[in-house]
C-alpha atoms as a PDB file:
ATOM      1  CA  MET A   1      -0.675 -13.471  -2.646  1.00  0.00           C
ATOM      2  CA  THR A   2      -1.930 -12.582  -6.418  1.00  0.00           C
ATOM      3  CA  ASP A   3       0.937 -11.664  -8.743  1.00  0.00           C
ATOM      4  CA  THR A   4      -0.967  -7.925  -9.111  1.00  0.00           C
ATOM      5  CA  VAL A   5       0.478  -7.025  -5.642  1.00  0.00           C
ATOM      6  CA  LEU A   6       3.612  -6.153  -5.824  1.00  0.00           C
ATOM      7  CA  HIS A   7       6.100  -5.891  -2.726  1.00  0.00           C
ATOM      8  CA  ALA A   8       8.659  -3.288  -2.156  1.00  0.00           C
ATOM      9  CA  THR A   9      11.784  -2.811   0.177  1.00  0.00           C
ATOM     10  CA  ASP A  10      13.871  -0.134   1.150  1.00  0.00           C
ATOM     11  CA  ALA A  11      15.729  -0.592  -2.106  1.00  0.00           C
ATOM     12  CA  ASP A  12      13.658  -0.397  -4.232  1.00  0.00           C
ATOM     13  CA  PHE A  13      10.588   2.174  -3.252  1.00  0.00           C
ATOM     14  CA  ALA A  14      11.374   5.038  -5.429  1.00  0.00           C
ATOM     15  CA  ASP A  15      10.927   3.245  -8.442  1.00  0.00           C
ATOM     16  CA  GLN A  16       8.113   1.110  -7.573  1.00  0.00           C
ATOM     17  CA  VAL A  17       6.012   3.859  -5.381  1.00  0.00           C
ATOM     18  CA  LEU A  18       7.672   7.474  -5.755  1.00  0.00           C
ATOM     19  CA  ALA A  19       8.186   7.122  -9.889  1.00  0.00           C
ATOM     20  CA  SER A  20       5.491   5.410 -10.519  1.00  0.00           C
ATOM     21  CA  ASP A  21       3.001   6.791 -13.225  1.00  0.00           C
ATOM     22  CA  GLN A  22      -0.243   5.638 -11.495  1.00  0.00           C
ATOM     23  CA  PRO A  23      -1.560   6.466  -8.356  1.00  0.00           C
ATOM     24  CA  VAL A  24       0.142   3.415  -5.486  1.00  0.00           C
ATOM     25  CA  LEU A  25      -1.411   2.499  -2.844  1.00  0.00           C
ATOM     26  CA  VAL A  26       1.058   0.819  -0.052  1.00  0.00           C
ATOM     27  CA  ASP A  27      -0.020  -1.520   2.725  1.00  0.00           C
ATOM     28  CA  PHE A  28       2.699  -0.933   5.217  1.00  0.00           C
ATOM     29  CA  TRP A  29       2.393  -4.377   7.227  1.00  0.00           C
ATOM     30  CA  ALA A  30       4.017  -7.056   9.009  1.00  0.00           C
ATOM     31  CA  PRO A  31       3.874 -11.054   8.895  1.00  0.00           C
ATOM     32  CA  TRP A  32       2.822 -11.169  12.171  1.00  0.00           C
ATOM     33  CA  CYS A  33      -0.421  -8.869  12.147  1.00  0.00           C
ATOM     34  CA  GLY A  34      -3.264 -10.106  12.630  1.00  0.00           C
ATOM     35  CA  PRO A  35      -5.287  -7.346  11.161  1.00  0.00           C
ATOM     36  CA  CYS A  36      -2.571  -7.207   8.313  1.00  0.00           C
ATOM     37  CA  LYS A  37      -3.917 -10.354   7.350  1.00  0.00           C
ATOM     38  CA  MET A  38      -7.795  -9.287   7.586  1.00  0.00           C
ATOM     39  CA  ILE A  39      -6.960  -7.012   4.374  1.00  0.00           C
ATOM     40  CA  ALA A  40      -4.890  -8.842   2.165  1.00  0.00           C
ATOM     41  CA  PRO A  41      -7.813 -10.679   0.693  1.00  0.00           C
ATOM     42  CA  ALA A  42      -9.485  -6.630  -0.019  1.00  0.00           C
ATOM     43  CA  LEU A  43      -5.603  -5.651  -1.227  1.00  0.00           C
ATOM     44  CA  ASP A  44      -5.358  -8.968  -3.905  1.00  0.00           C
ATOM     45  CA  GLU A  45      -8.825  -7.661  -4.908  1.00  0.00           C
ATOM     46  CA  LEU A  46      -8.433  -4.484  -5.319  1.00  0.00           C
ATOM     47  CA  ALA A  47      -5.037  -5.110  -7.343  1.00  0.00           C
ATOM     48  CA  GLY A  48      -6.669  -7.185 -10.213  1.00  0.00           C
ATOM     49  CA  THR A  49      -9.885  -4.466 -10.076  1.00  0.00           C
ATOM     50  CA  TYR A  50      -7.215  -1.356 -10.628  1.00  0.00           C
ATOM     51  CA  ALA A  51      -5.140  -3.291 -12.998  1.00  0.00           C
ATOM     52  CA  GLY A  52      -3.600  -1.079 -15.531  1.00  0.00           C
ATOM     53  CA  ARG A  53      -4.879   2.207 -13.419  1.00  0.00           C
ATOM     54  CA  ALA A  54      -3.355   2.222  -9.932  1.00  0.00           C
ATOM     55  CA  LYS A  55      -0.965   0.066  -8.327  1.00  0.00           C
ATOM     56  CA  ILE A  56      -0.934  -2.232  -5.072  1.00  0.00           C
ATOM     57  CA  VAL A  57       2.670  -2.366  -3.193  1.00  0.00           C
ATOM     58  CA  LYS A  58       3.028  -4.064   0.430  1.00  0.00           C
ATOM     59  CA  VAL A  59       5.992  -3.100   2.756  1.00  0.00           C
ATOM     60  CA  ASP A  60       7.176  -5.102   5.379  1.00  0.00           C
ATOM     61  CA  VAL A  61       7.852  -2.770   8.075  1.00  0.00           C
ATOM     62  CA  ASP A  62      10.472  -5.856   9.404  1.00  0.00           C
ATOM     63  CA  GLN A  63      11.947  -6.222   6.731  1.00  0.00           C
ATOM     64  CA  ASN A  64      12.166  -2.173   5.289  1.00  0.00           C
ATOM     65  CA  GLN A  65      12.812  -0.218   8.318  1.00  0.00           C
ATOM     66  CA  GLN A  66      14.008   2.502   6.592  1.00  0.00           C
ATOM     67  CA  THR A  67      11.010   3.455   4.440  1.00  0.00           C
ATOM     68  CA  ALA A  68       8.832   2.926   7.600  1.00  0.00           C
ATOM     69  CA  LEU A  69      10.598   5.247   9.683  1.00  0.00           C
ATOM     70  CA  LYS A  70      10.794   7.600   6.857  1.00  0.00           C
ATOM     71  CA  TYR A  71       6.635   7.688   6.372  1.00  0.00           C
ATOM     72  CA  HIS A  72       5.874   7.584  10.348  1.00  0.00           C
ATOM     73  CA  VAL A  73       4.525   4.510  10.471  1.00  0.00           C
ATOM     74  CA  ARG A  74       3.873   3.884  13.925  1.00  0.00           C
ATOM     75  CA  SER A  75       0.601   1.492  14.060  1.00  0.00           C
ATOM     76  CA  ILE A  76      -0.098  -1.015  11.397  1.00  0.00           C
ATOM     77  CA  PRO A  77      -1.543  -1.534   9.228  1.00  0.00           C
ATOM     78  CA  MET A  78      -1.220   1.526   7.938  1.00  0.00           C
ATOM     79  CA  LEU A  79      -2.161   2.402   3.916  1.00  0.00           C
ATOM     80  CA  LEU A  80      -0.655   5.464   2.364  1.00  0.00           C
ATOM     81  CA  LEU A  81      -1.894   6.675  -1.234  1.00  0.00           C
ATOM     82  CA  PHE A  82       0.805   8.032  -3.449  1.00  0.00           C
ATOM     83  CA  LYS A  83       0.221   9.860  -6.677  1.00  0.00           C
ATOM     84  CA  GLY A  84       3.138  11.629  -7.971  1.00  0.00           C
ATOM     85  CA  GLY A  85       5.217  11.031  -5.950  1.00  0.00           C
ATOM     86  CA  GLN A  86       3.220  12.418  -2.800  1.00  0.00           C
ATOM     87  CA  VAL A  87       1.426  11.155   0.303  1.00  0.00           C
ATOM     88  CA  GLN A  88      -2.610  12.239  -1.096  1.00  0.00           C
ATOM     89  CA  ALA A  89      -4.303  10.213   1.645  1.00  0.00           C
ATOM     90  CA  THR A  90      -3.422   8.105   4.762  1.00  0.00           C
ATOM     91  CA  GLN A  91      -5.263   5.132   6.367  1.00  0.00           C
ATOM     92  CA  ILE A  92      -4.438   3.659   9.594  1.00  0.00           C
ATOM     93  CA  GLY A  93      -5.930   0.234  10.679  1.00  0.00           C
ATOM     94  CA  ALA A  94      -7.763  -2.046   8.859  1.00  0.00           C
ATOM     95  CA  VAL A  95     -10.874  -1.227   7.296  1.00  0.00           C
ATOM     96  CA  GLY A  96     -13.142  -2.720   4.534  1.00  0.00           C
ATOM     97  CA  LYS A  97     -12.448  -2.845   0.416  1.00  0.00           C
ATOM     98  CA  GLY A  98     -15.208   0.324  -0.102  1.00  0.00           C
ATOM     99  CA  GLN A  99     -13.309   2.456   1.847  1.00  0.00           C
ATOM    100  CA  LEU A 100      -9.956   1.575   0.590  1.00  0.00           C
ATOM    101  CA  ALA A 101     -11.687   1.531  -3.552  1.00  0.00           C
ATOM    102  CA  GLN A 102     -12.562   5.275  -2.586  1.00  0.00           C
ATOM    103  CA  MET A 103      -8.845   6.280  -1.753  1.00  0.00           C
ATOM    104  CA  ILE A 104      -7.996   4.919  -5.071  1.00  0.00           C
ATOM    105  CA  ASP A 105     -10.750   6.687  -7.046  1.00  0.00           C
ATOM    106  CA  LYS A 106     -10.472   9.560  -5.334  1.00  0.00           C
ATOM    107  CA  SER A 107      -6.931  10.101  -6.904  1.00  0.00           C
ATOM    108  CA  LEU A 108      -7.506   8.193 -10.518  1.00  0.00           C
END
């Protein structure tokens, strides 16, 4: 992981994501999830590319079940794009860096 990808918990999700003045791409994942590991390098790259304009935040669904339940995470990886505290876009399953970049670009 790079320093630019943040990790949110049930306790600080509101501060890190909902209160952010930047768009936030949230990756709901788990350490045992193969497709989650596949998209991790793309998320690391995007975090660097969009530094200062958008944030990339990961939420471990095993450790933070309240947040996962609140956003109806039933399948991982599940990516939600938040802007102004609201969900703007949803992507379920592993996708390429280009598709993730498009999600972020639409919110900028």
